[in-house]
Amino acid sequence: MKKIVAVAAILFVMACKENKPEGPIAQEFVGNAIGTTYSIKAFSESPLEITKQVDSIIIAFNNSMSTWQESSDINKFNNGAND
């Protein structure tokens, strides 16, 4: 009987053990940009926070290539501005 209790106790302890997933975890970042949406899937061992970096790339793109933003480089070029 003592052996059964000991085995049951070991199984109980093993069942309560936190099981961490092995390998990278999938993370998805979504948002709006340039009149549409984007979705970025990343795999990492630890949580990522890339929203600020993605936003800075989108802002740089808009400042350069946006036809909707009057102050963008492409609009200045198309309008003959000499900046």
PDB file of N, CA and C in Angstrom:
ATOM      1  N   MET A   1       0.822  -1.195   0.000  1.00  0.00           N
ATOM      2  CA  MET A   1       0.000   0.000   0.000  1.00  0.00           C
ATOM      3  C   MET A   1       0.866   1.259   0.000  1.00  0.00           C
ATOM      4  N   LYS A   2       1.991   1.241   0.726  1.00  0.00           N
ATOM      5  CA  LYS A   2       2.876   2.393   0.794  1.00  0.00           C
ATOM      6  C   LYS A   2       3.453   2.703  -0.585  1.00  0.00           C
ATOM      7  N   LYS A   3       3.719   1.652  -1.377  1.00  0.00           N
ATOM      8  CA  LYS A   3       4.277   1.849  -2.719  1.00  0.00           C
ATOM      9  C   LYS A   3       3.262   2.540  -3.630  1.00  0.00           C
ATOM     10  N   ILE A   4       2.013   2.148  -3.483  1.00  0.00           N
ATOM     11  CA  ILE A   4       0.961   2.756  -4.310  1.00  0.00           C
ATOM     12  C   ILE A   4       0.808   4.234  -3.956  1.00  0.00           C
ATOM     13  N   VAL A   5       0.842   4.567  -2.692  1.00  0.00           N
ATOM     14  CA  VAL A   5       0.729   5.952  -2.247  1.00  0.00           C
ATOM     15  C   VAL A   5       1.938   6.754  -2.735  1.00  0.00           C
ATOM     16  N   ALA A   6       3.127   6.152  -2.661  1.00  0.00           N
ATOM     17  CA  ALA A   6       4.340   6.840  -3.112  1.00  0.00           C
ATOM     18  C   ALA A   6       4.275   7.091  -4.613  1.00  0.00           C
ATOM     19  N   VAL A   7       3.859   6.106  -5.395  1.00  0.00           N
ATOM     20  CA  VAL A   7       3.744   6.274  -6.851  1.00  0.00           C
ATOM     21  C   VAL A   7       2.683   7.321  -7.164  1.00  0.00           C
ATOM     22  N   ALA A   8       1.574   7.291  -6.465  1.00  0.00           N
ATOM     23  CA  ALA A   8       0.503   8.268  -6.687  1.00  0.00           C
ATOM     24  C   ALA A   8       0.997   9.672  -6.355  1.00  0.00           C
ATOM     25  N   ALA A   9       1.781   9.817  -5.290  1.00  0.00           N
ATOM     26  CA  ALA A   9       2.309  11.128  -4.909  1.00  0.00           C
ATOM     27  C   ALA A   9       3.279  11.638  -5.965  1.00  0.00           C
ATOM     28  N   ILE A  10       4.130  10.758  -6.491  1.00  0.00           N
ATOM     29  CA  ILE A  10       5.084  11.157  -7.540  1.00  0.00           C
ATOM     30  C   ILE A  10       4.328  11.579  -8.798  1.00  0.00           C
ATOM     31  N   LEU A  11       3.327  10.813  -9.190  1.00  0.00           N
ATOM     32  CA  LEU A  11       2.528  11.163 -10.371  1.00  0.00           C
ATOM     33  C   LEU A  11       1.800  12.487 -10.172  1.00  0.00           C
ATOM     34  N   PHE A  12       1.314  12.720  -8.978  1.00  0.00           N
ATOM     35  CA  PHE A  12       0.621  13.972  -8.680  1.00  0.00           C
ATOM     36  C   PHE A  12       1.578  15.152  -8.799  1.00  0.00           C
ATOM     37  N   VAL A  13       2.769  15.026  -8.254  1.00  0.00           N
ATOM     38  CA  VAL A  13       3.758  16.101  -8.324  1.00  0.00           C
ATOM     39  C   VAL A  13       4.148  16.356  -9.769  1.00  0.00           C
ATOM     40  N   MET A  14       4.334  15.301 -10.548  1.00  0.00           N
ATOM     41  CA  MET A  14       4.707  15.467 -11.955  1.00  0.00           C
ATOM     42  C   MET A  14       3.582  16.123 -12.749  1.00  0.00           C
ATOM     43  N   ALA A  15       2.333  15.818 -12.410  1.00  0.00           N
ATOM     44  CA  ALA A  15       1.195  16.399 -13.117  1.00  0.00           C
ATOM     45  C   ALA A  15       1.049  17.877 -12.789  1.00  0.00           C
ATOM     46  N   CYS A  16       1.465  18.290 -11.609  1.00  0.00           N
ATOM     47  CA  CYS A  16       1.359  19.683 -11.208  1.00  0.00           C
ATOM     48  C   CYS A  16       2.504  20.537 -11.744  1.00  0.00           C
ATOM     49  N   LYS A  17       3.537  19.899 -12.220  1.00  0.00           N
ATOM     50  CA  LYS A  17       4.696  20.621 -12.734  1.00  0.00           C
ATOM     51  C   LYS A  17       4.274  21.465 -13.933  1.00  0.00           C
ATOM     52  N   GLU A  18       4.755  22.704 -13.977  1.00  0.00           N
ATOM     53  CA  GLU A  18       4.433  23.597 -15.087  1.00  0.00           C
ATOM     54  C   GLU A  18       5.155  23.125 -16.344  1.00  0.00           C
ATOM     55  N   ASN A  19       4.401  22.926 -17.392  1.00  0.00           N
ATOM     56  CA  ASN A  19       4.988  22.495 -18.663  1.00  0.00           C
ATOM     57  C   ASN A  19       5.151  23.701 -19.558  1.00  0.00           C
ATOM     58  N   LYS A  20       6.394  24.099 -19.778  1.00  0.00           N
ATOM     59  CA  LYS A  20       6.681  25.212 -20.666  1.00  0.00           C
ATOM     60  C   LYS A  20       6.859  24.659 -22.075  1.00  0.00           C
ATOM     61  N   PRO A  21       6.319  25.343 -23.065  1.00  0.00           N
ATOM     62  CA  PRO A  21       6.524  24.868 -24.431  1.00  0.00           C
ATOM     63  C   PRO A  21       7.994  24.967 -24.809  1.00  0.00           C
ATOM     64  N   GLU A  22       8.464  23.955 -25.481  1.00  0.00           N
ATOM     65  CA  GLU A  22       9.853  23.973 -25.927  1.00  0.00           C
ATOM     66  C   GLU A  22       9.933  24.602 -27.301  1.00  0.00           C
ATOM     67  N   GLY A  23      10.993  25.350 -27.532  1.00  0.00           N
ATOM     68  CA  GLY A  23      11.176  25.989 -28.826  1.00  0.00           C
ATOM     69  C   GLY A  23      10.500  27.336 -28.879  1.00  0.00           C
ATOM     70  N   PRO A  24      10.594  27.964 -30.029  1.00  0.00           N
ATOM     71  CA  PRO A  24      10.029  29.313 -30.175  1.00  0.00           C
ATOM     72  C   PRO A  24       8.504  29.311 -30.152  1.00  0.00           C
ATOM     73  N   ILE A  25       7.958  30.412 -29.666  1.00  0.00           N
ATOM     74  CA  ILE A  25       6.508  30.587 -29.655  1.00  0.00           C
ATOM     75  C   ILE A  25       6.131  31.564 -30.775  1.00  0.00           C
ATOM     76  N   ALA A  26       4.968  31.335 -31.364  1.00  0.00           N
ATOM     77  CA  ALA A  26       4.489  32.195 -32.453  1.00  0.00           C
ATOM     78  C   ALA A  26       3.790  33.416 -31.861  1.00  0.00           C
ATOM     79  N   GLN A  27       4.082  34.576 -32.433  1.00  0.00           N
ATOM     80  CA  GLN A  27       3.442  35.821 -32.025  1.00  0.00           C
ATOM     81  C   GLN A  27       2.991  36.554 -33.277  1.00  0.00           C
ATOM     82  N   GLU A  28       1.853  37.216 -33.198  1.00  0.00           N
ATOM     83  CA  GLU A  28       1.346  37.946 -34.367  1.00  0.00           C
ATOM     84  C   GLU A  28       1.097  39.400 -33.995  1.00  0.00           C
ATOM     85  N   PHE A  29       1.532  40.275 -34.883  1.00  0.00           N
ATOM     86  CA  PHE A  29       1.340  41.717 -34.722  1.00  0.00           C
ATOM     87  C   PHE A  29       0.550  42.206 -35.929  1.00  0.00           C
ATOM     88  N   VAL A  30      -0.558  42.903 -35.677  1.00  0.00           N
ATOM     89  CA  VAL A  30      -1.394  43.391 -36.771  1.00  0.00           C
ATOM     90  C   VAL A  30      -1.661  44.878 -36.573  1.00  0.00           C
ATOM     91  N   GLY A  31      -1.935  45.564 -37.683  1.00  0.00           N
ATOM     92  CA  GLY A  31      -2.244  46.980 -37.599  1.00  0.00           C
ATOM     93  C   GLY A  31      -2.633  47.541 -38.940  1.00  0.00           C
ATOM     94  N   ASN A  32      -2.891  48.829 -38.965  1.00  0.00           N
ATOM     95  CA  ASN A  32      -3.247  49.546 -40.188  1.00  0.00           C
ATOM     96  C   ASN A  32      -2.049  50.344 -40.658  1.00  0.00           C
ATOM     97  N   ALA A  33      -1.888  50.375 -41.982  1.00  0.00           N
ATOM     98  CA  ALA A  33      -0.775  51.138 -42.545  1.00  0.00           C
ATOM     99  C   ALA A  33      -1.009  51.406 -44.016  1.00  0.00           C
ATOM    100  N   ILE A  34      -0.713  52.615 -44.438  1.00  0.00           N
ATOM    101  CA  ILE A  34      -0.682  52.994 -45.845  1.00  0.00           C
ATOM    102  C   ILE A  34      -1.993  52.625 -46.560  1.00  0.00           C
ATOM    103  N   GLY A  35      -3.112  52.850 -45.897  1.00  0.00           N
ATOM    104  CA  GLY A  35      -4.415  52.599 -46.490  1.00  0.00           C
ATOM    105  C   GLY A  35      -4.822  51.133 -46.529  1.00  0.00           C
ATOM    106  N   THR A  36      -4.103  50.272 -45.841  1.00  0.00           N
ATOM    107  CA  THR A  36      -4.436  48.849 -45.805  1.00  0.00           C
ATOM    108  C   THR A  36      -4.056  48.304 -44.426  1.00  0.00           C
ATOM    109  N   THR A  37      -3.915  47.018 -44.297  1.00  0.00           N
ATOM    110  CA  THR A  37      -3.531  46.413 -43.029  1.00  0.00           C
ATOM    111  C   THR A  37      -2.252  45.598 -43.198  1.00  0.00           C
ATOM    112  N   TYR A  38      -1.615  45.299 -42.087  1.00  0.00           N
ATOM    113  CA  TYR A  38      -0.458  44.421 -42.115  1.00  0.00           C
ATOM    114  C   TYR A  38      -0.589  43.367 -41.027  1.00  0.00           C
ATOM    115  N   SER A  39       0.086  42.274 -41.233  1.00  0.00           N
ATOM    116  CA  SER A  39       0.145  41.190 -40.260  1.00  0.00           C
ATOM    117  C   SER A  39       1.569  40.645 -40.277  1.00  0.00           C
ATOM    118  N   ILE A  40       2.201  40.638 -39.118  1.00  0.00           N
ATOM    119  CA  ILE A  40       3.566  40.137 -39.000  1.00  0.00           C
ATOM    120  C   ILE A  40       3.542  38.971 -38.023  1.00  0.00           C
ATOM    121  N   LYS A  41       4.072  37.841 -38.452  1.00  0.00           N
ATOM    122  CA  LYS A  41       4.200  36.686 -37.571  1.00  0.00           C
ATOM    123  C   LYS A  41       5.671  36.506 -37.245  1.00  0.00           C
ATOM    124  N   ALA A  42       5.964  36.390 -35.947  1.00  0.00           N
ATOM    125  CA  ALA A  42       7.340  36.228 -35.499  1.00  0.00           C
ATOM    126  C   ALA A  42       7.415  35.033 -34.554  1.00  0.00           C
ATOM    127  N   PHE A  43       8.541  34.384 -34.572  1.00  0.00           N
ATOM    128  CA  PHE A  43       8.771  33.244 -33.699  1.00  0.00           C
ATOM    129  C   PHE A  43       9.970  33.557 -32.819  1.00  0.00           C
ATOM    130  N   SER A  44       9.781  33.436 -31.500  1.00  0.00           N
ATOM    131  CA  SER A  44      10.841  33.793 -30.572  1.00  0.00           C
ATOM    132  C   SER A  44      10.702  32.967 -29.296  1.00  0.00           C
ATOM    133  N   GLU A  45      11.822  32.773 -28.625  1.00  0.00           N
ATOM    134  CA  GLU A  45      11.826  32.062 -27.341  1.00  0.00           C
ATOM    135  C   GLU A  45      11.176  32.904 -26.243  1.00  0.00           C
ATOM    136  N   SER A  46      11.181  34.228 -26.410  1.00  0.00           N
ATOM    137  CA  SER A  46      10.617  35.124 -25.404  1.00  0.00           C
ATOM    138  C   SER A  46       9.660  36.103 -26.085  1.00  0.00           C
ATOM    139  N   PRO A  47       8.760  36.708 -25.314  1.00  0.00           N
ATOM    140  CA  PRO A  47       7.814  37.670 -25.902  1.00  0.00           C
ATOM    141  C   PRO A  47       8.533  38.846 -26.551  1.00  0.00           C
ATOM    142  N   LEU A  48       7.999  39.287 -27.662  1.00  0.00           N
ATOM    143  CA  LEU A  48       8.560  40.419 -28.394  1.00  0.00           C
ATOM    144  C   LEU A  48       7.619  41.608 -28.299  1.00  0.00           C
ATOM    145  N   GLU A  49       8.157  42.794 -28.422  1.00  0.00           N
ATOM    146  CA  GLU A  49       7.353  44.010 -28.564  1.00  0.00           C
ATOM    147  C   GLU A  49       7.981  44.813 -29.687  1.00  0.00           C
ATOM    148  N   ILE A  50       7.391  44.700 -30.863  1.00  0.00           N
ATOM    149  CA  ILE A  50       7.975  45.337 -32.048  1.00  0.00           C
ATOM    150  C   ILE A  50       7.078  46.419 -32.626  1.00  0.00           C
ATOM    151  N   THR A  51       6.005  46.752 -31.952  1.00  0.00           N
ATOM    152  CA  THR A  51       5.045  47.717 -32.486  1.00  0.00           C
ATOM    153  C   THR A  51       5.697  49.061 -32.786  1.00  0.00           C
ATOM    154  N   LYS A  52       6.535  49.581 -31.890  1.00  0.00           N
ATOM    155  CA  LYS A  52       7.176  50.881 -32.110  1.00  0.00           C
ATOM    156  C   LYS A  52       8.098  50.841 -33.325  1.00  0.00           C
ATOM    157  N   GLN A  53       8.824  49.740 -33.487  1.00  0.00           N
ATOM    158  CA  GLN A  53       9.735  49.622 -34.625  1.00  0.00           C
ATOM    159  C   GLN A  53       8.959  49.561 -35.939  1.00  0.00           C
ATOM    160  N   VAL A  54       7.864  48.809 -35.958  1.00  0.00           N
ATOM    161  CA  VAL A  54       7.037  48.724 -37.170  1.00  0.00           C
ATOM    162  C   VAL A  54       6.450  50.092 -37.488  1.00  0.00           C
ATOM    163  N   ASP A  55       5.930  50.774 -36.475  1.00  0.00           N
ATOM    164  CA  ASP A  55       5.363  52.114 -36.678  1.00  0.00           C
ATOM    165  C   ASP A  55       6.397  53.076 -37.248  1.00  0.00           C
ATOM    166  N   SER A  56       7.645  52.994 -36.770  1.00  0.00           N
ATOM    167  CA  SER A  56       8.675  53.908 -37.275  1.00  0.00           C
ATOM    168  C   SER A  56       8.992  53.630 -38.746  1.00  0.00           C
ATOM    169  N   ILE A  57       8.944  52.386 -39.162  1.00  0.00           N
ATOM    170  CA  ILE A  57       9.156  52.049 -40.581  1.00  0.00           C
ATOM    171  C   ILE A  57       8.015  52.596 -41.427  1.00  0.00           C
ATOM    172  N   ILE A  58       6.795  52.455 -40.945  1.00  0.00           N
ATOM    173  CA  ILE A  58       5.624  52.953 -41.684  1.00  0.00           C
ATOM    174  C   ILE A  58       5.675  54.478 -41.798  1.00  0.00           C
ATOM    175  N   ILE A  59       6.051  55.150 -40.731  1.00  0.00           N
ATOM    176  CA  ILE A  59       6.163  56.616 -40.767  1.00  0.00           C
ATOM    177  C   ILE A  59       7.231  57.039 -41.764  1.00  0.00           C
ATOM    178  N   ALA A  60       8.372  56.351 -41.757  1.00  0.00           N
ATOM    179  CA  ALA A  60       9.451  56.675 -42.706  1.00  0.00           C
ATOM    180  C   ALA A  60       8.983  56.461 -44.140  1.00  0.00           C
ATOM    181  N   PHE A  61       8.251  55.381 -44.389  1.00  0.00           N
ATOM    182  CA  PHE A  61       7.730  55.113 -45.724  1.00  0.00           C
ATOM    183  C   PHE A  61       6.753  56.209 -46.143  1.00  0.00           C
ATOM    184  N   ASN A  62       5.832  56.564 -45.257  1.00  0.00           N
ATOM    185  CA  ASN A  62       4.858  57.614 -45.573  1.00  0.00           C
ATOM    186  C   ASN A  62       5.549  58.944 -45.864  1.00  0.00           C
ATOM    187  N   ASN A  63       6.543  59.287 -45.061  1.00  0.00           N
ATOM    188  CA  ASN A  63       7.257  60.548 -45.282  1.00  0.00           C
ATOM    189  C   ASN A  63       7.979  60.569 -46.614  1.00  0.00           C
ATOM    190  N   SER A  64       8.321  59.426 -47.123  1.00  0.00           N
ATOM    191  CA  SER A  64       9.048  59.349 -48.378  1.00  0.00           C
ATOM    192  C   SER A  64       8.143  59.100 -49.584  1.00  0.00           C
ATOM    193  N   MET A  65       7.228  58.138 -49.489  1.00  0.00           N
ATOM    194  CA  MET A  65       6.530  57.645 -50.672  1.00  0.00           C
ATOM    195  C   MET A  65       5.011  57.842 -50.698  1.00  0.00           C
ATOM    196  N   SER A  66       4.429  58.436 -49.688  1.00  0.00           N
ATOM    197  CA  SER A  66       2.977  58.572 -49.646  1.00  0.00           C
ATOM    198  C   SER A  66       2.480  59.612 -50.646  1.00  0.00           C
ATOM    199  N   THR A  67       1.543  59.198 -51.500  1.00  0.00           N
ATOM    200  CA  THR A  67       0.920  60.163 -52.409  1.00  0.00           C
ATOM    201  C   THR A  67      -0.236  60.893 -51.720  1.00  0.00           C
ATOM    202  N   TRP A  68      -0.619  60.443 -50.535  1.00  0.00           N
ATOM    203  CA  TRP A  68      -1.693  61.075 -49.775  1.00  0.00           C
ATOM    204  C   TRP A  68      -1.180  62.177 -48.867  1.00  0.00           C
ATOM    205  N   GLN A  69       0.082  62.163 -48.562  1.00  0.00           N
ATOM    206  CA  GLN A  69       0.681  63.130 -47.649  1.00  0.00           C
ATOM    207  C   GLN A  69       1.393  64.194 -48.485  1.00  0.00           C
ATOM    208  N   GLU A  70       0.876  65.418 -48.434  1.00  0.00           N
ATOM    209  CA  GLU A  70       1.412  66.490 -49.279  1.00  0.00           C
ATOM    210  C   GLU A  70       2.890  66.769 -49.037  1.00  0.00           C
ATOM    211  N   SER A  71       3.360  66.547 -47.824  1.00  0.00           N
ATOM    212  CA  SER A  71       4.752  66.858 -47.498  1.00  0.00           C
ATOM    213  C   SER A  71       5.711  65.695 -47.775  1.00  0.00           C
ATOM    214  N   SER A  72       5.223  64.601 -48.357  1.00  0.00           N
ATOM    215  CA  SER A  72       6.106  63.463 -48.623  1.00  0.00           C
ATOM    216  C   SER A  72       7.116  63.809 -49.719  1.00  0.00           C
ATOM    217  N   ASP A  73       8.224  63.109 -49.704  1.00  0.00           N
ATOM    218  CA  ASP A  73       9.283  63.358 -50.688  1.00  0.00           C
ATOM    219  C   ASP A  73       8.790  63.165 -52.121  1.00  0.00           C
ATOM    220  N   ILE A  74       7.993  62.145 -52.353  1.00  0.00           N
ATOM    221  CA  ILE A  74       7.519  61.867 -53.719  1.00  0.00           C
ATOM    222  C   ILE A  74       6.602  62.981 -54.208  1.00  0.00           C
ATOM    223  N   ASN A  75       5.763  63.508 -53.340  1.00  0.00           N
ATOM    224  CA  ASN A  75       4.895  64.615 -53.741  1.00  0.00           C
ATOM    225  C   ASN A  75       5.696  65.889 -53.992  1.00  0.00           C
ATOM    226  N   LYS A  76       6.700  66.141 -53.174  1.00  0.00           N
ATOM    227  CA  LYS A  76       7.562  67.302 -53.402  1.00  0.00           C
ATOM    228  C   LYS A  76       8.263  67.165 -54.752  1.00  0.00           C
ATOM    229  N   PHE A  77       8.756  65.989 -55.053  1.00  0.00           N
ATOM    230  CA  PHE A  77       9.430  65.748 -56.322  1.00  0.00           C
ATOM    231  C   PHE A  77       8.470  65.941 -57.498  1.00  0.00           C
ATOM    232  N   ASN A  78       7.281  65.349 -57.382  1.00  0.00           N
ATOM    233  CA  ASN A  78       6.289  65.444 -58.434  1.00  0.00           C
ATOM    234  C   ASN A  78       5.799  66.874 -58.654  1.00  0.00           C
ATOM    235  N   ASN A  79       5.816  67.677 -57.592  1.00  0.00           N
ATOM    236  CA  ASN A  79       5.377  69.076 -57.702  1.00  0.00           C
ATOM    237  C   ASN A  79       6.527  70.019 -58.066  1.00  0.00           C
ATOM    238  N   GLY A  80       7.713  69.469 -58.252  1.00  0.00           N
ATOM    239  CA  GLY A  80       8.847  70.274 -58.676  1.00  0.00           C
ATOM    240  C   GLY A  80       9.491  71.062 -57.545  1.00  0.00           C
ATOM    241  N   ALA A  81       9.278  70.667 -56.317  1.00  0.00           N
ATOM    242  CA  ALA A  81       9.891  71.382 -55.187  1.00  0.00           C
ATOM    243  C   ALA A  81      11.387  71.128 -55.159  1.00  0.00           C
ATOM    244  N   ASN A  82      12.146  72.142 -54.833  1.00  0.00           N
ATOM    245  CA  ASN A  82      13.611  72.019 -54.755  1.00  0.00           C
ATOM    246  C   ASN A  82      14.065  72.089 -53.315  1.00  0.00           C
ATOM    247  N   ASP A  83      13.825  71.040 -52.528  1.00  0.00           N
ATOM    248  CA  ASP A  83      14.265  71.030 -51.113  1.00  0.00           C
ATOM    249  C   ASP A  83      15.561  70.333 -50.966  1.00  0.00           C
TER     250      ASP A  83
END
